[in-house]
């Protein structure tokens, strides 16, 4: 397969995996990928996953890439809280929840950070459509719960203040009935106590 044929075959793809290339051409020589990288035609994200070099990157595209290169996973934690404007500052790295082992991929596109949750806790995310494509991201309630679940040291009012979740943004985004329903699925008393303390804290917080 020549590059022009490769580009035509995969131009609608956000991420191109070696498995997908092999399905298209079982005799494809993987040395071509190294050669095309050297010529600046494609970029390697991590082993086995590539993008076309002229792919236009934005938040939506990066979220889809995060979903694809380490699956099953969905955008969550700080990145999702930032997406919903619940925390004020920009976030370092694209944070995701996964049932696989915790992993960090440092790439030229940015850092992709995956935190392990139990397989039964891979719920509470939605599919977001963009330009005919999709990415998975935690609902606001699940992003918050994943954050508390993985940050067990957050317990006090000072800790809650340090997260810097805005009261107005919280009540605009979070359905507390759903939050408690999801919390019950975790079946963890210590987490339930901390989250309920946070709910009391945010109710009484200054704007």
N, C-alpha and C. Protein backbone atom coordinates (compact mmCIF):
# COMPACT_ATOMS: atom_id res chain seq x y z
N UNK A 1 0.85 -1.20 0.00
CA UNK A 1 0.00 0.00 0.00
C UNK A 1 0.88 1.25 0.00
N UNK A 2 0.67 2.11 -0.97
CA UNK A 2 1.40 3.38 -1.01
C UNK A 2 0.72 4.38 -0.08
N UNK A 3 1.46 5.46 0.23
CA UNK A 3 0.91 6.41 1.21
C UNK A 3 -0.39 7.03 0.71
N UNK A 4 -0.46 7.37 -0.56
CA UNK A 4 -1.69 7.99 -1.09
C UNK A 4 -2.90 7.07 -0.91
N UNK A 5 -2.67 5.78 -1.10
CA UNK A 5 -3.76 4.80 -0.89
C UNK A 5 -4.11 4.71 0.60
N UNK A 6 -3.07 4.70 1.43
CA UNK A 6 -3.26 4.65 2.88
C UNK A 6 -4.06 5.86 3.36
N UNK A 7 -3.65 7.03 2.89
CA UNK A 7 -4.33 8.26 3.31
C UNK A 7 -5.80 8.24 2.87
N UNK A 8 -6.05 7.79 1.67
CA UNK A 8 -7.42 7.74 1.17
C UNK A 8 -8.26 6.76 2.00
N UNK A 9 -7.66 5.64 2.36
CA UNK A 9 -8.38 4.60 3.11
C UNK A 9 -8.71 5.06 4.53
N UNK A 10 -7.83 5.88 5.12
CA UNK A 10 -7.98 6.21 6.54
C UNK A 10 -8.23 7.70 6.82
N UNK A 11 -8.55 8.46 5.79
CA UNK A 11 -8.66 9.91 6.01
C UNK A 11 -9.83 10.28 6.92
N UNK A 12 -10.84 9.40 7.04
CA UNK A 12 -11.98 9.71 7.91
C UNK A 12 -11.74 9.23 9.35
N UNK A 13 -10.62 8.57 9.60
CA UNK A 13 -10.32 8.03 10.92
C UNK A 13 -9.66 9.09 11.80
N UNK A 14 -10.06 9.14 13.07
CA UNK A 14 -9.33 9.98 14.02
C UNK A 14 -8.05 9.28 14.42
N UNK A 15 -8.19 8.04 14.87
CA UNK A 15 -7.04 7.22 15.28
C UNK A 15 -6.97 6.02 14.34
N UNK A 16 -5.76 5.67 13.94
CA UNK A 16 -5.55 4.52 13.05
C UNK A 16 -4.74 3.48 13.82
N UNK A 17 -5.31 2.30 14.01
CA UNK A 17 -4.59 1.25 14.73
C UNK A 17 -3.93 0.29 13.75
N UNK A 18 -2.87 -0.35 14.21
CA UNK A 18 -2.20 -1.36 13.38
C UNK A 18 -3.17 -2.47 13.02
N UNK A 19 -4.05 -2.84 13.96
CA UNK A 19 -5.04 -3.89 13.66
C UNK A 19 -5.94 -3.49 12.50
N UNK A 20 -6.35 -2.21 12.47
CA UNK A 20 -7.20 -1.73 11.39
C UNK A 20 -6.45 -1.72 10.06
N UNK A 21 -5.17 -1.37 10.11
CA UNK A 21 -4.35 -1.39 8.89
C UNK A 21 -4.25 -2.81 8.36
N UNK A 22 -4.03 -3.77 9.26
CA UNK A 22 -3.88 -5.16 8.84
C UNK A 22 -5.18 -5.73 8.28
N UNK A 23 -6.31 -5.26 8.80
CA UNK A 23 -7.61 -5.70 8.24
C UNK A 23 -7.76 -5.19 6.81
N UNK A 24 -7.25 -3.98 6.57
CA UNK A 24 -7.34 -3.37 5.25
C UNK A 24 -6.35 -4.03 4.28
N UNK A 25 -5.17 -4.38 4.80
CA UNK A 25 -4.12 -4.96 3.95
C UNK A 25 -3.31 -5.93 4.80
N UNK A 26 -3.61 -7.21 4.70
CA UNK A 26 -2.98 -8.22 5.57
C UNK A 26 -1.47 -8.34 5.34
N UNK A 27 -1.00 -7.86 4.19
CA UNK A 27 0.43 -7.96 3.88
C UNK A 27 1.17 -6.64 4.11
N UNK A 28 0.51 -5.70 4.77
CA UNK A 28 1.11 -4.38 4.99
C UNK A 28 2.42 -4.51 5.76
N UNK A 29 3.45 -3.84 5.27
CA UNK A 29 4.78 -3.85 5.91
C UNK A 29 4.84 -2.71 6.93
N UNK A 30 4.97 -3.06 8.21
CA UNK A 30 4.95 -2.05 9.27
C UNK A 30 6.12 -1.07 9.19
N UNK A 31 7.16 -1.44 8.45
CA UNK A 31 8.29 -0.49 8.29
C UNK A 31 7.85 0.77 7.54
N UNK A 32 6.76 0.64 6.77
CA UNK A 32 6.21 1.81 6.08
C UNK A 32 5.81 2.89 7.10
N UNK A 33 5.28 2.47 8.24
CA UNK A 33 4.84 3.44 9.25
C UNK A 33 6.01 4.26 9.78
N UNK A 34 7.14 3.59 9.99
CA UNK A 34 8.35 4.29 10.43
C UNK A 34 8.82 5.27 9.36
N UNK A 35 8.78 4.80 8.13
CA UNK A 35 9.18 5.63 6.99
C UNK A 35 8.27 6.86 6.86
N UNK A 36 6.97 6.65 6.99
CA UNK A 36 6.02 7.77 6.85
C UNK A 36 6.10 8.74 8.03
N UNK A 37 6.44 8.22 9.20
CA UNK A 37 6.70 9.11 10.34
C UNK A 37 7.88 10.03 10.03
N UNK A 38 8.94 9.42 9.51
CA UNK A 38 10.15 10.18 9.18
C UNK A 38 9.88 11.27 8.16
N UNK A 39 8.95 11.01 7.27
CA UNK A 39 8.61 12.00 6.23
C UNK A 39 7.56 13.01 6.72
N UNK A 40 7.06 12.80 7.95
CA UNK A 40 6.08 13.74 8.51
C UNK A 40 4.68 13.54 8.00
N UNK A 41 4.40 12.37 7.45
CA UNK A 41 3.05 12.08 6.94
C UNK A 41 2.09 11.68 8.06
N UNK A 42 2.61 10.92 9.03
CA UNK A 42 1.79 10.43 10.14
C UNK A 42 2.53 10.69 11.45
N UNK A 43 1.80 10.62 12.55
CA UNK A 43 2.39 10.74 13.89
C UNK A 43 2.01 9.52 14.71
N UNK A 44 2.98 9.01 15.44
CA UNK A 44 2.71 7.90 16.36
C UNK A 44 2.24 8.49 17.68
N UNK A 45 1.14 7.95 18.22
CA UNK A 45 0.68 8.38 19.54
C UNK A 45 1.33 7.48 20.58
N UNK A 46 0.95 6.21 20.56
CA UNK A 46 1.64 5.19 21.35
C UNK A 46 1.79 3.97 20.45
N UNK A 47 2.45 2.95 20.94
CA UNK A 47 2.67 1.76 20.13
C UNK A 47 1.34 1.22 19.59
N UNK A 48 1.28 1.09 18.28
CA UNK A 48 0.11 0.50 17.65
C UNK A 48 -0.97 1.49 17.23
N UNK A 49 -0.78 2.79 17.56
CA UNK A 49 -1.80 3.80 17.25
C UNK A 49 -1.17 5.04 16.62
N UNK A 50 -1.78 5.49 15.53
CA UNK A 50 -1.24 6.60 14.75
C UNK A 50 -2.36 7.57 14.37
N UNK A 51 -1.95 8.79 14.00
CA UNK A 51 -2.88 9.74 13.39
C UNK A 51 -2.22 10.30 12.14
N UNK A 52 -3.03 10.79 11.22
CA UNK A 52 -2.48 11.51 10.08
C UNK A 52 -1.91 12.83 10.60
N UNK A 53 -0.77 13.24 10.07
CA UNK A 53 -0.06 14.40 10.60
C UNK A 53 -0.86 15.69 10.51
N UNK A 54 -1.76 15.78 9.52
CA UNK A 54 -2.52 17.03 9.36
C UNK A 54 -3.88 16.99 10.07
N UNK A 55 -4.09 15.98 10.94
CA UNK A 55 -5.34 15.93 11.70
C UNK A 55 -5.45 17.18 12.58
N UNK A 56 -6.57 17.87 12.48
CA UNK A 56 -6.77 19.07 13.29
C UNK A 56 -7.17 18.66 14.71
N UNK A 57 -6.35 19.08 15.66
CA UNK A 57 -6.56 18.68 17.04
C UNK A 57 -7.37 19.72 17.80
N UNK A 58 -8.38 19.26 18.51
CA UNK A 58 -9.08 20.10 19.48
C UNK A 58 -9.49 19.19 20.63
N UNK A 59 -10.21 19.73 21.59
CA UNK A 59 -10.56 18.95 22.78
C UNK A 59 -11.35 17.70 22.42
N UNK A 60 -12.31 17.82 21.51
CA UNK A 60 -13.12 16.67 21.11
C UNK A 60 -12.27 15.55 20.52
N UNK A 61 -11.37 15.92 19.64
CA UNK A 61 -10.49 14.94 18.99
C UNK A 61 -9.60 14.26 20.02
N UNK A 62 -9.03 15.05 20.93
CA UNK A 62 -8.15 14.48 21.97
C UNK A 62 -8.93 13.54 22.89
N UNK A 63 -10.18 13.87 23.17
CA UNK A 63 -11.00 12.98 24.01
C UNK A 63 -11.24 11.65 23.30
N UNK A 64 -11.53 11.71 22.01
CA UNK A 64 -11.74 10.46 21.26
C UNK A 64 -10.45 9.64 21.22
N UNK A 65 -9.32 10.31 21.02
CA UNK A 65 -8.03 9.61 21.02
C UNK A 65 -7.82 8.93 22.37
N UNK A 66 -8.09 9.64 23.46
CA UNK A 66 -7.93 9.08 24.80
C UNK A 66 -8.76 7.81 24.97
N UNK A 67 -10.01 7.84 24.49
CA UNK A 67 -10.88 6.66 24.55
C UNK A 67 -10.30 5.48 23.79
N UNK A 68 -9.74 5.78 22.63
CA UNK A 68 -9.32 4.71 21.71
C UNK A 68 -8.02 4.02 22.10
N UNK A 69 -7.03 4.78 22.56
CA UNK A 69 -5.70 4.19 22.73
C UNK A 69 -5.58 3.32 23.98
N UNK A 70 -6.55 3.42 24.88
CA UNK A 70 -6.52 2.59 26.10
C UNK A 70 -7.97 2.32 26.48
N UNK A 71 -8.46 1.18 26.04
CA UNK A 71 -9.89 0.88 26.15
C UNK A 71 -10.08 -0.40 26.97
N UNK A 72 -11.14 -0.50 27.79
CA UNK A 72 -12.24 0.46 27.94
C UNK A 72 -11.85 1.62 28.87
N UNK A 73 -12.25 2.80 28.49
CA UNK A 73 -12.00 3.98 29.32
C UNK A 73 -12.97 5.08 28.91
N UNK A 74 -13.09 6.09 29.76
CA UNK A 74 -13.88 7.28 29.44
C UNK A 74 -13.25 8.47 30.16
N UNK A 75 -13.37 9.64 29.58
CA UNK A 75 -12.85 10.86 30.19
C UNK A 75 -13.54 11.09 31.53
N UNK A 76 -12.76 11.37 32.57
CA UNK A 76 -13.36 11.59 33.89
C UNK A 76 -12.42 12.43 34.74
N UNK A 77 -12.73 12.49 36.05
CA UNK A 77 -11.88 13.18 37.02
C UNK A 77 -11.68 14.65 36.64
N UNK A 78 -10.47 15.16 36.82
CA UNK A 78 -10.24 16.59 36.62
C UNK A 78 -10.60 17.07 35.22
N UNK A 79 -10.31 16.25 34.21
CA UNK A 79 -10.58 16.69 32.84
C UNK A 79 -12.08 16.86 32.61
N UNK A 80 -12.88 15.93 33.12
CA UNK A 80 -14.33 16.04 32.97
C UNK A 80 -14.88 17.20 33.79
N UNK A 81 -14.35 17.39 35.00
CA UNK A 81 -14.82 18.51 35.84
C UNK A 81 -14.51 19.85 35.16
N UNK A 82 -13.37 19.91 34.49
CA UNK A 82 -13.01 21.12 33.74
C UNK A 82 -13.94 21.29 32.53
N UNK A 83 -14.25 20.19 31.84
CA UNK A 83 -15.14 20.22 30.68
C UNK A 83 -16.50 20.80 31.06
N UNK A 84 -16.97 20.45 32.25
CA UNK A 84 -18.27 20.95 32.73
C UNK A 84 -18.16 22.31 33.44
N UNK A 85 -16.96 22.89 33.41
CA UNK A 85 -16.71 24.21 34.03
C UNK A 85 -16.97 24.20 35.53
N UNK A 86 -16.78 23.04 36.15
CA UNK A 86 -16.99 22.95 37.59
C UNK A 86 -15.74 23.32 38.38
N UNK A 87 -14.59 23.23 37.74
CA UNK A 87 -13.35 23.73 38.36
C UNK A 87 -12.78 24.80 37.44
N UNK A 88 -12.14 25.82 38.02
CA UNK A 88 -11.79 27.00 37.23
C UNK A 88 -10.55 26.87 36.36
N UNK A 89 -9.55 26.12 36.81
CA UNK A 89 -8.29 26.16 36.07
C UNK A 89 -8.21 25.07 35.00
N UNK A 90 -7.33 25.30 34.06
CA UNK A 90 -7.09 24.27 33.05
C UNK A 90 -6.37 23.10 33.74
N UNK A 91 -6.50 21.94 33.15
CA UNK A 91 -6.04 20.71 33.79
C UNK A 91 -4.80 20.19 33.08
N UNK A 92 -3.87 19.65 33.88
CA UNK A 92 -2.68 19.02 33.31
C UNK A 92 -3.01 17.59 32.91
N UNK A 93 -2.93 17.29 31.64
CA UNK A 93 -3.16 15.93 31.16
C UNK A 93 -4.63 15.59 30.97
N UNK A 94 -4.89 14.62 30.11
CA UNK A 94 -6.26 14.16 29.85
C UNK A 94 -6.52 12.97 30.77
N UNK A 95 -7.33 13.18 31.80
CA UNK A 95 -7.57 12.15 32.80
C UNK A 95 -8.77 11.30 32.42
N UNK A 96 -8.61 9.99 32.57
CA UNK A 96 -9.67 9.04 32.26
C UNK A 96 -9.78 8.00 33.35
N UNK A 97 -10.95 7.35 33.42
CA UNK A 97 -11.15 6.18 34.26
C UNK A 97 -11.12 4.95 33.37
N UNK A 98 -10.53 3.87 33.89
CA UNK A 98 -10.40 2.63 33.12
C UNK A 98 -10.49 1.45 34.07
N UNK A 99 -10.87 0.29 33.55
CA UNK A 99 -10.83 -0.93 34.35
C UNK A 99 -9.48 -1.63 34.21
N UNK A 100 -8.63 -1.11 33.35
CA UNK A 100 -7.28 -1.66 33.19
C UNK A 100 -6.34 -1.02 34.21
N UNK A 101 -5.08 -1.41 34.18
CA UNK A 101 -4.17 -0.88 35.20
C UNK A 101 -3.88 0.60 34.95
N UNK A 102 -3.56 1.30 36.03
CA UNK A 102 -3.24 2.73 35.95
C UNK A 102 -2.07 2.92 34.99
N UNK A 103 -2.18 3.94 34.13
CA UNK A 103 -1.17 4.13 33.08
C UNK A 103 -1.07 5.60 32.72
N UNK A 104 0.14 6.04 32.39
CA UNK A 104 0.35 7.39 31.86
C UNK A 104 1.12 7.25 30.55
N UNK A 105 0.59 7.85 29.49
CA UNK A 105 1.29 7.90 28.22
C UNK A 105 1.69 9.36 27.96
N UNK A 106 2.98 9.62 27.91
CA UNK A 106 3.47 10.96 27.58
C UNK A 106 3.71 11.01 26.09
N UNK A 107 2.93 11.81 25.39
CA UNK A 107 3.00 11.86 23.93
C UNK A 107 3.18 13.30 23.47
N UNK A 108 3.47 13.48 22.20
CA UNK A 108 3.61 14.84 21.69
C UNK A 108 2.27 15.56 21.61
N UNK A 109 1.19 14.82 21.75
CA UNK A 109 -0.14 15.45 21.78
C UNK A 109 -0.52 15.90 23.19
N UNK A 110 0.22 15.44 24.19
CA UNK A 110 -0.09 15.71 25.59
C UNK A 110 -0.01 14.42 26.39
N UNK A 111 -0.26 14.52 27.68
CA UNK A 111 -0.21 13.35 28.55
C UNK A 111 -1.61 12.75 28.70
N UNK A 112 -1.70 11.45 28.46
CA UNK A 112 -2.95 10.71 28.63
C UNK A 112 -2.82 9.89 29.91
N UNK A 113 -3.66 10.21 30.90
CA UNK A 113 -3.54 9.64 32.24
C UNK A 113 -4.78 8.79 32.53
N UNK A 114 -4.55 7.53 32.90
CA UNK A 114 -5.66 6.60 33.15
C UNK A 114 -5.59 6.09 34.58
N UNK A 115 -6.71 6.20 35.30
CA UNK A 115 -6.80 5.74 36.68
C UNK A 115 -7.73 4.54 36.76
N UNK A 116 -7.30 3.53 37.52
CA UNK A 116 -8.06 2.29 37.61
C UNK A 116 -9.26 2.42 38.54
N UNK A 117 -10.42 1.98 38.05
CA UNK A 117 -11.59 1.76 38.89
C UNK A 117 -12.01 0.31 38.68
N UNK A 118 -12.77 -0.24 39.62
CA UNK A 118 -13.24 -1.61 39.46
C UNK A 118 -14.12 -1.71 38.21
N UNK A 119 -14.06 -2.85 37.52
CA UNK A 119 -14.86 -2.99 36.29
C UNK A 119 -16.34 -2.68 36.49
N UNK A 120 -16.90 -3.02 37.65
CA UNK A 120 -18.33 -2.76 37.89
C UNK A 120 -18.63 -1.27 38.01
N UNK A 121 -17.57 -0.44 38.15
CA UNK A 121 -17.77 1.00 38.27
C UNK A 121 -17.61 1.73 36.94
N UNK A 122 -17.49 0.98 35.86
CA UNK A 122 -17.43 1.60 34.53
C UNK A 122 -18.86 1.90 34.05
N UNK A 123 -19.46 2.90 34.66
CA UNK A 123 -20.81 3.32 34.28
C UNK A 123 -20.87 4.83 34.51
N UNK A 124 -22.03 5.41 34.18
CA UNK A 124 -22.21 6.84 34.45
C UNK A 124 -21.48 7.74 33.47
N UNK A 125 -21.26 7.24 32.25
CA UNK A 125 -20.66 8.09 31.21
C UNK A 125 -21.66 8.20 30.06
N UNK A 126 -21.42 9.17 29.21
CA UNK A 126 -22.31 9.36 28.06
C UNK A 126 -21.47 9.48 26.79
N UNK A 127 -22.13 9.25 25.67
CA UNK A 127 -21.50 9.44 24.36
C UNK A 127 -21.82 10.85 23.87
N UNK A 128 -20.80 11.61 23.55
CA UNK A 128 -20.98 12.95 23.02
C UNK A 128 -20.65 12.94 21.53
N UNK A 129 -21.57 13.42 20.72
CA UNK A 129 -21.37 13.48 19.27
C UNK A 129 -20.65 14.75 18.89
N UNK A 130 -19.70 14.63 17.97
CA UNK A 130 -19.07 15.81 17.38
C UNK A 130 -18.66 15.46 15.96
N UNK A 131 -19.02 16.27 15.03
CA UNK A 131 -18.63 16.10 13.62
C UNK A 131 -18.82 14.66 13.12
N UNK A 132 -19.91 14.03 13.53
CA UNK A 132 -20.17 12.67 13.08
C UNK A 132 -19.38 11.61 13.80
N UNK A 133 -18.61 12.01 14.81
CA UNK A 133 -17.83 11.06 15.61
C UNK A 133 -18.29 11.16 17.06
N UNK A 134 -17.71 10.34 17.92
CA UNK A 134 -18.17 10.29 19.31
C UNK A 134 -16.99 10.13 20.26
N UNK A 135 -17.20 10.61 21.50
CA UNK A 135 -16.28 10.26 22.59
C UNK A 135 -17.10 9.99 23.85
N UNK A 136 -16.49 9.24 24.78
CA UNK A 136 -17.15 8.90 26.04
C UNK A 136 -16.60 9.78 27.15
N UNK A 137 -17.49 10.38 27.92
CA UNK A 137 -17.10 11.23 29.03
C UNK A 137 -18.06 10.98 30.20
N UNK A 138 -17.51 11.01 31.41
CA UNK A 138 -18.34 10.82 32.60
C UNK A 138 -19.39 11.92 32.68
N UNK A 139 -20.57 11.56 33.15
CA UNK A 139 -21.54 12.57 33.52
C UNK A 139 -20.98 13.35 34.71
N UNK A 140 -21.46 14.58 34.95
CA UNK A 140 -20.88 15.39 36.04
C UNK A 140 -20.86 14.66 37.37
N UNK A 141 -21.94 13.94 37.68
CA UNK A 141 -22.03 13.24 38.96
C UNK A 141 -20.96 12.15 39.06
N UNK A 142 -20.76 11.42 37.98
CA UNK A 142 -19.79 10.31 38.00
C UNK A 142 -18.36 10.84 38.02
N UNK A 143 -18.11 11.94 37.30
CA UNK A 143 -16.76 12.55 37.33
C UNK A 143 -16.39 12.94 38.75
N UNK A 144 -17.34 13.50 39.48
CA UNK A 144 -17.12 13.91 40.87
C UNK A 144 -16.87 12.69 41.75
N UNK A 145 -17.68 11.66 41.58
CA UNK A 145 -17.52 10.45 42.39
C UNK A 145 -16.21 9.73 42.09
N UNK A 146 -15.84 9.64 40.81
CA UNK A 146 -14.55 9.04 40.46
C UNK A 146 -13.41 9.81 41.13
N UNK A 147 -13.55 11.13 41.16
CA UNK A 147 -12.51 11.97 41.77
C UNK A 147 -12.38 11.67 43.27
N UNK A 148 -13.49 11.63 43.96
CA UNK A 148 -13.47 11.33 45.40
C UNK A 148 -13.01 9.89 45.66
N UNK A 149 -13.44 8.98 44.84
CA UNK A 149 -13.08 7.56 44.97
C UNK A 149 -11.56 7.37 44.89
N UNK A 150 -10.94 8.10 43.99
CA UNK A 150 -9.50 7.93 43.76
C UNK A 150 -8.63 8.87 44.61
N UNK A 151 -9.24 9.86 45.22
CA UNK A 151 -8.50 10.80 46.08
C UNK A 151 -9.03 10.67 47.51
N UNK A 152 -8.61 9.60 48.16
CA UNK A 152 -9.16 9.25 49.47
C UNK A 152 -8.75 10.22 50.57
N UNK A 153 -7.73 11.05 50.32
CA UNK A 153 -7.28 12.00 51.35
C UNK A 153 -8.18 13.23 51.45
N UNK A 154 -9.09 13.41 50.49
CA UNK A 154 -9.98 14.59 50.51
C UNK A 154 -11.14 14.30 51.46
N UNK A 155 -11.07 14.95 52.65
CA UNK A 155 -12.04 14.64 53.70
C UNK A 155 -12.59 15.87 54.40
N UNK A 156 -11.76 16.91 54.57
CA UNK A 156 -12.13 18.05 55.41
C UNK A 156 -12.68 19.21 54.58
N UNK A 157 -13.21 20.21 55.28
CA UNK A 157 -13.69 21.42 54.60
C UNK A 157 -12.56 22.09 53.83
N UNK A 158 -11.38 22.12 54.41
CA UNK A 158 -10.22 22.71 53.71
C UNK A 158 -9.90 21.93 52.44
N UNK A 159 -10.00 20.61 52.52
CA UNK A 159 -9.78 19.78 51.33
C UNK A 159 -10.83 20.09 50.26
N UNK A 160 -12.08 20.22 50.69
CA UNK A 160 -13.16 20.52 49.75
C UNK A 160 -12.93 21.88 49.08
N UNK A 161 -12.52 22.84 49.89
CA UNK A 161 -12.24 24.18 49.35
C UNK A 161 -11.11 24.13 48.34
N UNK A 162 -10.14 23.24 48.58
CA UNK A 162 -8.98 23.13 47.69
C UNK A 162 -9.30 22.61 46.31
N UNK A 163 -10.41 21.88 46.18
CA UNK A 163 -10.82 21.39 44.86
C UNK A 163 -11.28 22.55 43.99
N UNK A 164 -11.80 23.60 44.64
CA UNK A 164 -12.25 24.82 43.97
C UNK A 164 -13.43 24.59 43.02
N UNK A 165 -14.37 23.76 43.47
CA UNK A 165 -15.60 23.58 42.69
C UNK A 165 -16.53 24.73 43.00
N UNK A 166 -16.98 25.44 41.97
CA UNK A 166 -17.87 26.58 42.15
C UNK A 166 -19.28 26.12 42.52
N UNK A 167 -19.85 26.78 43.51
CA UNK A 167 -21.20 26.42 43.97
C UNK A 167 -22.23 26.54 42.85
N UNK A 168 -22.21 27.65 42.14
CA UNK A 168 -23.19 27.85 41.07
C UNK A 168 -23.04 26.79 39.98
N UNK A 169 -21.79 26.52 39.60
CA UNK A 169 -21.54 25.53 38.54
C UNK A 169 -21.97 24.13 39.01
N UNK A 170 -21.71 23.84 40.29
CA UNK A 170 -22.10 22.53 40.84
C UNK A 170 -23.61 22.34 40.72
N UNK A 171 -24.39 23.32 41.21
CA UNK A 171 -25.84 23.15 41.20
C UNK A 171 -26.44 23.26 39.80
N UNK A 172 -25.70 23.90 38.88
CA UNK A 172 -26.17 23.96 37.49
C UNK A 172 -25.95 22.63 36.77
N UNK A 173 -24.93 21.88 37.19
CA UNK A 173 -24.54 20.66 36.46
C UNK A 173 -24.96 19.36 37.15
N UNK A 174 -25.00 19.36 38.47
CA UNK A 174 -25.14 18.10 39.21
C UNK A 174 -26.58 17.87 39.65
N UNK A 175 -27.08 16.69 39.33
CA UNK A 175 -28.38 16.23 39.82
C UNK A 175 -28.07 15.40 41.08
N UNK A 176 -28.41 15.93 42.25
CA UNK A 176 -28.01 15.27 43.50
C UNK A 176 -28.73 13.94 43.71
N UNK A 177 -29.92 13.77 43.14
CA UNK A 177 -30.60 12.47 43.23
C UNK A 177 -29.78 11.42 42.48
N UNK A 178 -29.31 11.79 41.28
CA UNK A 178 -28.47 10.88 40.50
C UNK A 178 -27.13 10.66 41.20
N UNK A 179 -26.56 11.73 41.77
CA UNK A 179 -25.29 11.62 42.48
C UNK A 179 -25.38 10.58 43.59
N UNK A 180 -26.44 10.63 44.39
CA UNK A 180 -26.60 9.68 45.50
C UNK A 180 -26.87 8.27 44.96
N UNK A 181 -27.64 8.16 43.89
CA UNK A 181 -27.90 6.84 43.29
C UNK A 181 -26.59 6.21 42.80
N UNK A 182 -25.77 7.00 42.12
CA UNK A 182 -24.47 6.50 41.66
C UNK A 182 -23.57 6.17 42.85
N UNK A 183 -23.60 7.02 43.88
CA UNK A 183 -22.78 6.80 45.07
C UNK A 183 -23.10 5.46 45.71
N UNK A 184 -24.39 5.11 45.75
CA UNK A 184 -24.79 3.83 46.34
C UNK A 184 -24.21 2.63 45.59
N UNK A 185 -23.97 2.81 44.29
CA UNK A 185 -23.40 1.73 43.48
C UNK A 185 -21.96 1.41 43.87
N UNK A 186 -21.28 2.38 44.45
CA UNK A 186 -19.89 2.16 44.87
C UNK A 186 -19.81 1.22 46.08
N UNK A 187 -20.88 1.19 46.89
CA UNK A 187 -20.94 0.31 48.07
C UNK A 187 -19.72 0.49 48.98
N UNK A 188 -19.42 1.75 49.29
CA UNK A 188 -18.25 2.05 50.10
C UNK A 188 -18.63 3.12 51.13
N UNK A 189 -18.69 2.70 52.40
CA UNK A 189 -19.17 3.59 53.45
C UNK A 189 -18.30 4.83 53.62
N UNK A 190 -17.00 4.66 53.54
CA UNK A 190 -16.10 5.81 53.75
C UNK A 190 -16.27 6.83 52.63
N UNK A 191 -16.45 6.35 51.41
CA UNK A 191 -16.68 7.26 50.28
C UNK A 191 -18.02 7.98 50.46
N UNK A 192 -19.05 7.23 50.86
CA UNK A 192 -20.37 7.84 51.05
C UNK A 192 -20.31 8.95 52.10
N UNK A 193 -19.58 8.71 53.16
CA UNK A 193 -19.45 9.72 54.21
C UNK A 193 -18.77 10.98 53.69
N UNK A 194 -17.69 10.81 52.96
CA UNK A 194 -16.95 11.97 52.45
C UNK A 194 -17.78 12.75 51.44
N UNK A 195 -18.47 12.04 50.55
CA UNK A 195 -19.26 12.72 49.52
C UNK A 195 -20.43 13.47 50.16
N UNK A 196 -21.07 12.86 51.13
CA UNK A 196 -22.20 13.54 51.79
C UNK A 196 -21.73 14.75 52.59
N UNK A 197 -20.53 14.66 53.18
CA UNK A 197 -19.95 15.83 53.85
C UNK A 197 -19.67 16.94 52.83
N UNK A 198 -19.20 16.55 51.65
CA UNK A 198 -18.95 17.54 50.60
C UNK A 198 -20.26 18.19 50.15
N UNK A 199 -21.31 17.39 50.01
CA UNK A 199 -22.61 17.94 49.60
C UNK A 199 -23.12 18.97 50.60
N UNK A 200 -22.91 18.69 51.89
CA UNK A 200 -23.29 19.68 52.91
C UNK A 200 -22.43 20.92 52.82
N UNK A 201 -21.12 20.69 52.57
CA UNK A 201 -20.18 21.81 52.45
C UNK A 201 -20.57 22.74 51.30
N UNK A 202 -20.82 22.17 50.12
CA UNK A 202 -21.08 22.99 48.93
C UNK A 202 -22.40 23.75 49.06
N UNK A 203 -23.36 23.15 49.77
CA UNK A 203 -24.66 23.82 49.99
C UNK A 203 -24.49 25.10 50.77
N UNK A 204 -23.54 25.10 51.71
CA UNK A 204 -23.32 26.25 52.58
C UNK A 204 -22.16 27.14 52.12
N UNK A 205 -21.53 26.78 51.03
CA UNK A 205 -20.36 27.54 50.56
C UNK A 205 -20.77 28.90 50.02
N UNK A 206 -19.81 29.84 50.06
CA UNK A 206 -20.03 31.14 49.42
C UNK A 206 -19.93 30.95 47.92
N UNK A 207 -20.57 31.82 47.17
CA UNK A 207 -20.54 31.70 45.69
C UNK A 207 -19.13 31.97 45.19
